[in-house]
Amino acid sequence: MNDLDRFYEEVCNLTEEFKGEVTPVARTVALFRVAIEYGAAHIGVSTLGYMMSRLLAITLGVSQGSSYTSYDSILEEFDPDKVKTKH
C-alpha cells in the first residue's frame, strides 16, 4: 500500500469514526470544504474547478459501470508525481 492509499484510508476512517453528532450531509460538506480550501491554496482555483469537473464526470462514469473511467486518470492528468492509487 502506498502513501496515497494510506492517506485515503485515514480520511475514510476519521470520517466514519468521528464520535460527534455530525450528520452524513454535514460530514460530506466538511470534506468538500477541506478539499476545496486545500486545493485552492495549493493548485489554484481554476485548476481546482477543472479537476472537480473531471472528478464528477469520472464518478458518474464509475457509478454507471463504465470500464473506460478510473480515478487514476485524474492523477495522471493533474499530479506531476503520477502517484497511483487502488481506488
PDB file of N, CA and C in Angstrom:
ATOM      1  N   MET A   1       0.857  -1.178   0.000  1.00  0.00           N
ATOM      2  CA  MET A   1       0.000   0.000   0.000  1.00  0.00           C
ATOM      3  C   MET A   1       0.901   1.237   0.000  1.00  0.00           C
ATOM      4  N   ASN A   2       0.614   2.175  -0.892  1.00  0.00           N
ATOM      5  CA  ASN A   2       1.429   3.386  -0.952  1.00  0.00           C
ATOM      6  C   ASN A   2       0.861   4.483  -0.047  1.00  0.00           C
ATOM      7  N   ASP A   3       1.568   5.600   0.027  1.00  0.00           N
ATOM      8  CA  ASP A   3       1.161   6.691   0.915  1.00  0.00           C
ATOM      9  C   ASP A   3      -0.202   7.261   0.541  1.00  0.00           C
ATOM     10  N   LEU A   4      -0.506   7.333  -0.744  1.00  0.00           N
ATOM     11  CA  LEU A   4      -1.804   7.855  -1.161  1.00  0.00           C
ATOM     12  C   LEU A   4      -2.937   6.949  -0.689  1.00  0.00           C
ATOM     13  N   ASP A   5      -2.755   5.656  -0.803  1.00  0.00           N
ATOM     14  CA  ASP A   5      -3.766   4.716  -0.313  1.00  0.00           C
ATOM     15  C   ASP A   5      -3.930   4.832   1.202  1.00  0.00           C
ATOM     16  N   ARG A   6      -2.826   4.984   1.913  1.00  0.00           N
ATOM     17  CA  ARG A   6      -2.899   5.151   3.372  1.00  0.00           C
ATOM     18  C   ARG A   6      -3.609   6.449   3.741  1.00  0.00           C
ATOM     19  N   PHE A   7      -3.298   7.522   3.014  1.00  0.00           N
ATOM     20  CA  PHE A   7      -3.966   8.803   3.259  1.00  0.00           C
ATOM     21  C   PHE A   7      -5.475   8.661   3.047  1.00  0.00           C
ATOM     22  N   TYR A   8      -5.866   8.027   1.950  1.00  0.00           N
ATOM     23  CA  TYR A   8      -7.274   7.799   1.639  1.00  0.00           C
ATOM     24  C   TYR A   8      -7.949   7.024   2.781  1.00  0.00           C
ATOM     25  N   GLU A   9      -7.315   5.951   3.228  1.00  0.00           N
ATOM     26  CA  GLU A   9      -7.875   5.150   4.312  1.00  0.00           C
ATOM     27  C   GLU A   9      -7.999   5.948   5.607  1.00  0.00           C
ATOM     28  N   GLU A  10      -7.000   6.752   5.923  1.00  0.00           N
ATOM     29  CA  GLU A  10      -7.057   7.559   7.148  1.00  0.00           C
ATOM     30  C   GLU A  10      -8.204   8.563   7.102  1.00  0.00           C
ATOM     31  N   VAL A  11      -8.397   9.210   5.954  1.00  0.00           N
ATOM     32  CA  VAL A  11      -9.503  10.157   5.818  1.00  0.00           C
ATOM     33  C   VAL A  11     -10.838   9.431   5.962  1.00  0.00           C
ATOM     34  N   CYS A  12     -10.969   8.278   5.315  1.00  0.00           N
ATOM     35  CA  CYS A  12     -12.197   7.487   5.444  1.00  0.00           C
ATOM     36  C   CYS A  12     -12.445   7.084   6.896  1.00  0.00           C
ATOM     37  N   ASN A  13     -11.416   6.590   7.560  1.00  0.00           N
ATOM     38  CA  ASN A  13     -11.561   6.164   8.953  1.00  0.00           C
ATOM     39  C   ASN A  13     -11.924   7.333   9.857  1.00  0.00           C
ATOM     40  N   LEU A  14     -11.282   8.458   9.694  1.00  0.00           N
ATOM     41  CA  LEU A  14     -11.589   9.627  10.511  1.00  0.00           C
ATOM     42  C   LEU A  14     -13.041  10.056  10.302  1.00  0.00           C
ATOM     43  N   THR A  15     -13.476  10.047   9.066  1.00  0.00           N
ATOM     44  CA  THR A  15     -14.846  10.452   8.749  1.00  0.00           C
ATOM     45  C   THR A  15     -15.863   9.504   9.382  1.00  0.00           C
ATOM     46  N   GLU A  16     -15.622   8.214   9.293  1.00  0.00           N
ATOM     47  CA  GLU A  16     -16.556   7.216   9.824  1.00  0.00           C
ATOM     48  C   GLU A  16     -16.520   7.134  11.356  1.00  0.00           C
ATOM     49  N   GLU A  17     -15.340   7.276  11.942  1.00  0.00           N
ATOM     50  CA  GLU A  17     -15.180   7.016  13.369  1.00  0.00           C
ATOM     51  C   GLU A  17     -15.366   8.243  14.251  1.00  0.00           C
ATOM     52  N   PHE A  18     -15.511   9.424  13.677  1.00  0.00           N
ATOM     53  CA  PHE A  18     -15.720  10.627  14.486  1.00  0.00           C
ATOM     54  C   PHE A  18     -16.984  10.463  15.314  1.00  0.00           C
ATOM     55  N   LYS A  19     -16.880  10.703  16.618  1.00  0.00           N
ATOM     56  CA  LYS A  19     -17.980  10.407  17.536  1.00  0.00           C
ATOM     57  C   LYS A  19     -18.944  11.569  17.749  1.00  0.00           C
ATOM     58  N   GLY A  20     -18.654  12.739  17.214  1.00  0.00           N
ATOM     59  CA  GLY A  20     -19.545  13.877  17.390  1.00  0.00           C
ATOM     60  C   GLY A  20     -20.852  13.686  16.657  1.00  0.00           C
ATOM     61  N   GLU A  21     -21.844  14.498  17.019  1.00  0.00           N
ATOM     62  CA  GLU A  21     -23.155  14.419  16.380  1.00  0.00           C
ATOM     63  C   GLU A  21     -23.142  15.265  15.112  1.00  0.00           C
ATOM     64  N   VAL A  22     -22.557  14.708  14.077  1.00  0.00           N
ATOM     65  CA  VAL A  22     -22.456  15.378  12.781  1.00  0.00           C
ATOM     66  C   VAL A  22     -23.119  14.464  11.758  1.00  0.00           C
ATOM     67  N   THR A  23     -24.103  14.988  11.067  1.00  0.00           N
ATOM     68  CA  THR A  23     -24.852  14.181  10.106  1.00  0.00           C
ATOM     69  C   THR A  23     -23.977  13.810   8.903  1.00  0.00           C
ATOM     70  N   PRO A  24     -24.376  12.782   8.169  1.00  0.00           N
ATOM     71  CA  PRO A  24     -23.636  12.436   6.949  1.00  0.00           C
ATOM     72  C   PRO A  24     -23.545  13.605   5.962  1.00  0.00           C
ATOM     73  N   VAL A  25     -24.612  14.381   5.838  1.00  0.00           N
ATOM     74  CA  VAL A  25     -24.581  15.538   4.942  1.00  0.00           C
ATOM     75  C   VAL A  25     -23.547  16.551   5.419  1.00  0.00           C
ATOM     76  N   ALA A  26     -23.538  16.843   6.706  1.00  0.00           N
ATOM     77  CA  ALA A  26     -22.583  17.807   7.252  1.00  0.00           C
ATOM     78  C   ALA A  26     -21.150  17.300   7.123  1.00  0.00           C
ATOM     79  N   ARG A  27     -20.939  16.011   7.305  1.00  0.00           N
ATOM     80  CA  ARG A  27     -19.600  15.439   7.130  1.00  0.00           C
ATOM     81  C   ARG A  27     -19.146  15.587   5.678  1.00  0.00           C
ATOM     82  N   THR A  28     -20.057  15.338   4.752  1.00  0.00           N
ATOM     83  CA  THR A  28     -19.737  15.469   3.334  1.00  0.00           C
ATOM     84  C   THR A  28     -19.393  16.906   2.989  1.00  0.00           C
ATOM     85  N   VAL A  29     -20.178  17.853   3.494  1.00  0.00           N
ATOM     86  CA  VAL A  29     -19.898  19.273   3.256  1.00  0.00           C
ATOM     87  C   VAL A  29     -18.533  19.645   3.826  1.00  0.00           C
ATOM     88  N   ALA A  30     -18.227  19.162   5.016  1.00  0.00           N
ATOM     89  CA  ALA A  30     -16.934  19.460   5.630  1.00  0.00           C
ATOM     90  C   ALA A  30     -15.785  18.891   4.800  1.00  0.00           C
ATOM     91  N   LEU A  31     -15.948  17.665   4.303  1.00  0.00           N
ATOM     92  CA  LEU A  31     -14.902  17.065   3.468  1.00  0.00           C
ATOM     93  C   LEU A  31     -14.710  17.859   2.176  1.00  0.00           C
ATOM     94  N   PHE A  32     -15.807  18.251   1.534  1.00  0.00           N
ATOM     95  CA  PHE A  32     -15.697  19.067   0.331  1.00  0.00           C
ATOM     96  C   PHE A  32     -15.034  20.408   0.639  1.00  0.00           C
ATOM     97  N   ARG A  33     -15.418  21.011   1.759  1.00  0.00           N
ATOM     98  CA  ARG A  33     -14.830  22.305   2.132  1.00  0.00           C
ATOM     99  C   ARG A  33     -13.323  22.193   2.333  1.00  0.00           C
ATOM    100  N   VAL A  34     -12.886  21.156   3.030  1.00  0.00           N
ATOM    101  CA  VAL A  34     -11.448  20.937   3.223  1.00  0.00           C
ATOM    102  C   VAL A  34     -10.759  20.749   1.878  1.00  0.00           C
ATOM    103  N   ALA A  35     -11.340  19.923   1.018  1.00  0.00           N
ATOM    104  CA  ALA A  35     -10.745  19.674  -0.288  1.00  0.00           C
ATOM    105  C   ALA A  35     -10.665  20.958  -1.117  1.00  0.00           C
ATOM    106  N   ILE A  36     -11.722  21.758  -1.096  1.00  0.00           N
ATOM    107  CA  ILE A  36     -11.735  22.999  -1.874  1.00  0.00           C
ATOM    108  C   ILE A  36     -10.721  23.997  -1.326  1.00  0.00           C
ATOM    109  N   GLU A  37     -10.698  24.176  -0.013  1.00  0.00           N
ATOM    110  CA  GLU A  37      -9.752  25.127   0.580  1.00  0.00           C
ATOM    111  C   GLU A  37      -8.307  24.681   0.356  1.00  0.00           C
ATOM    112  N   TYR A  38      -8.039  23.405   0.547  1.00  0.00           N
ATOM    113  CA  TYR A  38      -6.686  22.887   0.353  1.00  0.00           C
ATOM    114  C   TYR A  38      -6.283  22.986  -1.116  1.00  0.00           C
ATOM    115  N   GLY A  39      -7.160  22.544  -1.993  1.00  0.00           N
ATOM    116  CA  GLY A  39      -6.863  22.585  -3.418  1.00  0.00           C
ATOM    117  C   GLY A  39      -6.658  24.002  -3.939  1.00  0.00           C
ATOM    118  N   ALA A  40      -7.506  24.924  -3.525  1.00  0.00           N
ATOM    119  CA  ALA A  40      -7.364  26.317  -3.974  1.00  0.00           C
ATOM    120  C   ALA A  40      -6.020  26.893  -3.538  1.00  0.00           C
ATOM    121  N   ALA A  41      -5.607  26.568  -2.327  1.00  0.00           N
ATOM    122  CA  ALA A  41      -4.347  27.091  -1.802  1.00  0.00           C
ATOM    123  C   ALA A  41      -3.127  26.465  -2.493  1.00  0.00           C
ATOM    124  N   HIS A  42      -3.248  25.218  -2.932  1.00  0.00           N
ATOM    125  CA  HIS A  42      -2.074  24.501  -3.441  1.00  0.00           C
ATOM    126  C   HIS A  42      -2.011  24.333  -4.955  1.00  0.00           C
ATOM    127  N   ILE A  43      -3.161  24.316  -5.623  1.00  0.00           N
ATOM    128  CA  ILE A  43      -3.120  24.160  -7.083  1.00  0.00           C
ATOM    129  C   ILE A  43      -3.836  25.283  -7.820  1.00  0.00           C
ATOM    130  N   GLY A  44      -4.485  26.176  -7.080  1.00  0.00           N
ATOM    131  CA  GLY A  44      -5.174  27.312  -7.691  1.00  0.00           C
ATOM    132  C   GLY A  44      -6.645  27.017  -7.961  1.00  0.00           C
ATOM    133  N   VAL A  45      -7.435  28.076  -7.947  1.00  0.00           N
ATOM    134  CA  VAL A  45      -8.881  27.930  -8.074  1.00  0.00           C
ATOM    135  C   VAL A  45      -9.286  27.413  -9.461  1.00  0.00           C
ATOM    136  N   SER A  46      -8.677  27.926 -10.515  1.00  0.00           N
ATOM    137  CA  SER A  46      -9.100  27.482 -11.848  1.00  0.00           C
ATOM    138  C   SER A  46      -8.740  26.027 -12.093  1.00  0.00           C
ATOM    139  N   THR A  47      -7.550  25.590 -11.678  1.00  0.00           N
ATOM    140  CA  THR A  47      -7.178  24.184 -11.824  1.00  0.00           C
ATOM    141  C   THR A  47      -8.076  23.314 -10.956  1.00  0.00           C
ATOM    142  N   LEU A  48      -8.371  23.780  -9.750  1.00  0.00           N
ATOM    143  CA  LEU A  48      -9.253  23.040  -8.852  1.00  0.00           C
ATOM    144  C   LEU A  48     -10.634  22.871  -9.475  1.00  0.00           C
ATOM    145  N   GLY A  49     -11.180  23.931 -10.031  1.00  0.00           N
ATOM    146  CA  GLY A  49     -12.503  23.844 -10.656  1.00  0.00           C
ATOM    147  C   GLY A  49     -12.524  22.834 -11.787  1.00  0.00           C
ATOM    148  N   TYR A  50     -11.497  22.852 -12.613  1.00  0.00           N
ATOM    149  CA  TYR A  50     -11.403  21.884 -13.710  1.00  0.00           C
ATOM    150  C   TYR A  50     -11.273  20.468 -13.162  1.00  0.00           C
ATOM    151  N   MET A  51     -10.446  20.281 -12.142  1.00  0.00           N
ATOM    152  CA  MET A  51     -10.276  18.964 -11.533  1.00  0.00           C
ATOM    153  C   MET A  51     -11.597  18.466 -10.946  1.00  0.00           C
ATOM    154  N   MET A  52     -12.337  19.349 -10.294  1.00  0.00           N
ATOM    155  CA  MET A  52     -13.622  18.953  -9.710  1.00  0.00           C
ATOM    156  C   MET A  52     -14.600  18.493 -10.792  1.00  0.00           C
ATOM    157  N   SER A  53     -14.598  19.174 -11.943  1.00  0.00           N
ATOM    158  CA  SER A  53     -15.495  18.759 -13.024  1.00  0.00           C
ATOM    159  C   SER A  53     -15.081  17.396 -13.574  1.00  0.00           C
ATOM    160  N   ARG A  54     -13.786  17.150 -13.667  1.00  0.00           N
ATOM    161  CA  ARG A  54     -13.286  15.847 -14.123  1.00  0.00           C
ATOM    162  C   ARG A  54     -13.645  14.753 -13.107  1.00  0.00           C
ATOM    163  N   LEU A  55     -13.491  15.063 -11.804  1.00  0.00           N
ATOM    164  CA  LEU A  55     -13.856  14.088 -10.772  1.00  0.00           C
ATOM    165  C   LEU A  55     -15.334  13.744 -10.844  1.00  0.00           C
ATOM    166  N   LEU A  56     -16.177  14.732 -11.058  1.00  0.00           N
ATOM    167  CA  LEU A  56     -17.612  14.481 -11.161  1.00  0.00           C
ATOM    168  C   LEU A  56     -17.914  13.587 -12.363  1.00  0.00           C
ATOM    169  N   ALA A  57     -17.315  13.899 -13.499  1.00  0.00           N
ATOM    170  CA  ALA A  57     -17.542  13.092 -14.703  1.00  0.00           C
ATOM    171  C   ALA A  57     -17.072  11.650 -14.500  1.00  0.00           C
ATOM    172  N   ILE A  58     -15.911  11.481 -13.893  1.00  0.00           N
ATOM    173  CA  ILE A  58     -15.389  10.129 -13.647  1.00  0.00           C
ATOM    174  C   ILE A  58     -16.278   9.390 -12.648  1.00  0.00           C
ATOM    175  N   THR A  59     -16.717  10.073 -11.604  1.00  0.00           N
ATOM    176  CA  THR A  59     -17.589   9.453 -10.611  1.00  0.00           C
ATOM    177  C   THR A  59     -18.889   8.978 -11.252  1.00  0.00           C
ATOM    178  N   LEU A  60     -19.462   9.796 -12.133  1.00  0.00           N
ATOM    179  CA  LEU A  60     -20.681   9.383 -12.835  1.00  0.00           C
ATOM    180  C   LEU A  60     -20.414   8.173 -13.726  1.00  0.00           C
ATOM    181  N   GLY A  61     -19.267   8.152 -14.389  1.00  0.00           N
ATOM    182  CA  GLY A  61     -18.906   7.003 -15.218  1.00  0.00           C
ATOM    183  C   GLY A  61     -18.719   5.749 -14.401  1.00  0.00           C
ATOM    184  N   VAL A  62     -18.009   5.860 -13.283  1.00  0.00           N
ATOM    185  CA  VAL A  62     -17.790   4.703 -12.404  1.00  0.00           C
ATOM    186  C   VAL A  62     -19.124   4.188 -11.877  1.00  0.00           C
ATOM    187  N   SER A  63     -20.011   5.110 -11.477  1.00  0.00           N
ATOM    188  CA  SER A  63     -21.306   4.687 -10.930  1.00  0.00           C
ATOM    189  C   SER A  63     -22.170   3.995 -11.979  1.00  0.00           C
ATOM    190  N   GLN A  64     -21.913   4.271 -13.251  1.00  0.00           N
ATOM    191  CA  GLN A  64     -22.654   3.615 -14.333  1.00  0.00           C
ATOM    192  C   GLN A  64     -21.965   2.339 -14.812  1.00  0.00           C
ATOM    193  N   GLY A  65     -20.842   1.997 -14.184  1.00  0.00           N
ATOM    194  CA  GLY A  65     -20.148   0.765 -14.522  1.00  0.00           C
ATOM    195  C   GLY A  65     -19.240   0.861 -15.737  1.00  0.00           C
ATOM    196  N   SER A  66     -18.892   2.075 -16.132  1.00  0.00           N
ATOM    197  CA  SER A  66     -18.035   2.244 -17.299  1.00  0.00           C
ATOM    198  C   SER A  66     -16.644   1.684 -17.039  1.00  0.00           C
ATOM    199  N   SER A  67     -16.147   0.931 -17.989  1.00  0.00           N
ATOM    200  CA  SER A  67     -14.791   0.392 -17.865  1.00  0.00           C
ATOM    201  C   SER A  67     -13.758   1.372 -18.416  1.00  0.00           C
ATOM    202  N   TYR A  68     -14.203   2.501 -18.920  1.00  0.00           N
ATOM    203  CA  TYR A  68     -13.308   3.489 -19.521  1.00  0.00           C
ATOM    204  C   TYR A  68     -12.890   4.590 -18.559  1.00  0.00           C
ATOM    205  N   THR A  69     -13.396   4.558 -17.339  1.00  0.00           N
ATOM    206  CA  THR A  69     -13.084   5.623 -16.389  1.00  0.00           C
ATOM    207  C   THR A  69     -12.401   5.056 -15.153  1.00  0.00           C
ATOM    208  N   SER A  70     -11.487   5.854 -14.604  1.00  0.00           N
ATOM    209  CA  SER A  70     -10.861   5.499 -13.328  1.00  0.00           C
ATOM    210  C   SER A  70     -10.286   6.764 -12.707  1.00  0.00           C
ATOM    211  N   TYR A  71     -10.124   6.706 -11.422  1.00  0.00           N
ATOM    212  CA  TYR A  71      -9.563   7.859 -10.722  1.00  0.00           C
ATOM    213  C   TYR A  71      -8.074   8.029 -11.013  1.00  0.00           C
ATOM    214  N   ASP A  72      -7.420   6.976 -11.478  1.00  0.00           N
ATOM    215  CA  ASP A  72      -6.006   7.097 -11.850  1.00  0.00           C
ATOM    216  C   ASP A  72      -5.805   8.123 -12.954  1.00  0.00           C
ATOM    217  N   SER A  73      -6.794   8.282 -13.833  1.00  0.00           N
ATOM    218  CA  SER A  73      -6.645   9.256 -14.911  1.00  0.00           C
ATOM    219  C   SER A  73      -6.548  10.678 -14.377  1.00  0.00           C
ATOM    220  N   ILE A  74      -7.198  10.957 -13.250  1.00  0.00           N
ATOM    221  CA  ILE A  74      -7.085  12.288 -12.615  1.00  0.00           C
ATOM    222  C   ILE A  74      -5.656  12.493 -12.142  1.00  0.00           C
ATOM    223  N   LEU A  75      -5.095  11.492 -11.497  1.00  0.00           N
ATOM    224  CA  LEU A  75      -3.722  11.613 -11.017  1.00  0.00           C
ATOM    225  C   LEU A  75      -2.754  11.801 -12.176  1.00  0.00           C
ATOM    226  N   GLU A  76      -2.966  11.056 -13.248  1.00  0.00           N
ATOM    227  CA  GLU A  76      -2.090  11.183 -14.415  1.00  0.00           C
ATOM    228  C   GLU A  76      -2.172  12.572 -15.027  1.00  0.00           C
ATOM    229  N   GLU A  77      -3.368  13.151 -14.994  1.00  0.00           N
ATOM    230  CA  GLU A  77      -3.562  14.460 -15.612  1.00  0.00           C
ATOM    231  C   GLU A  77      -3.073  15.619 -14.737  1.00  0.00           C
ATOM    232  N   PHE A  78      -3.282  15.541 -13.438  1.00  0.00           N
ATOM    233  CA  PHE A  78      -3.020  16.681 -12.567  1.00  0.00           C
ATOM    234  C   PHE A  78      -1.818  16.533 -11.648  1.00  0.00           C
ATOM    235  N   ASP A  79      -1.396  15.316 -11.331  1.00  0.00           N
ATOM    236  CA  ASP A  79      -0.328  15.104 -10.355  1.00  0.00           C
ATOM    237  C   ASP A  79       1.008  14.892 -11.064  1.00  0.00           C
ATOM    238  N   PRO A  80       1.939  15.801 -10.865  1.00  0.00           N
ATOM    239  CA  PRO A  80       3.218  15.645 -11.558  1.00  0.00           C
ATOM    240  C   PRO A  80       3.994  14.384 -11.156  1.00  0.00           C
ATOM    241  N   ASP A  81       3.720  13.875  -9.953  1.00  0.00           N
ATOM    242  CA  ASP A  81       4.385  12.660  -9.493  1.00  0.00           C
ATOM    243  C   ASP A  81       3.680  11.403  -9.996  1.00  0.00           C
ATOM    244  N   LYS A  82       2.463  11.548 -10.491  1.00  0.00           N
ATOM    245  CA  LYS A  82       1.666  10.442 -11.035  1.00  0.00           C
ATOM    246  C   LYS A  82       1.596   9.261 -10.091  1.00  0.00           C
ATOM    247  N   VAL A  83       1.262   9.547  -8.841  1.00  0.00           N
ATOM    248  CA  VAL A  83       1.111   8.505  -7.830  1.00  0.00           C
ATOM    249  C   VAL A  83      -0.173   7.750  -8.120  1.00  0.00           C
ATOM    250  N   LYS A  84      -0.099   6.449  -8.146  1.00  0.00           N
ATOM    251  CA  LYS A  84      -1.283   5.613  -8.407  1.00  0.00           C
ATOM    252  C   LYS A  84      -1.930   5.190  -7.110  1.00  0.00           C
ATOM    253  N   THR A  85      -3.222   5.013  -7.148  1.00  0.00           N
ATOM    254  CA  THR A  85      -3.975   4.513  -6.012  1.00  0.00           C
ATOM    255  C   THR A  85      -4.763   3.287  -6.448  1.00  0.00           C
ATOM    256  N   LYS A  86      -5.219   2.512  -5.495  1.00  0.00           N
ATOM    257  CA  LYS A  86      -6.004   1.322  -5.807  1.00  0.00           C
ATOM    258  C   LYS A  86      -7.487   1.636  -5.844  1.00  0.00           C
ATOM    259  N   HIS A  87      -7.891   2.896  -5.634  1.00  0.00           N
ATOM    260  CA  HIS A  87      -9.317   3.242  -5.556  1.00  0.00           C
ATOM    261  C   HIS A  87      -9.804   3.763  -6.873  1.00  0.00           C
TER     262      HIS A  87
END
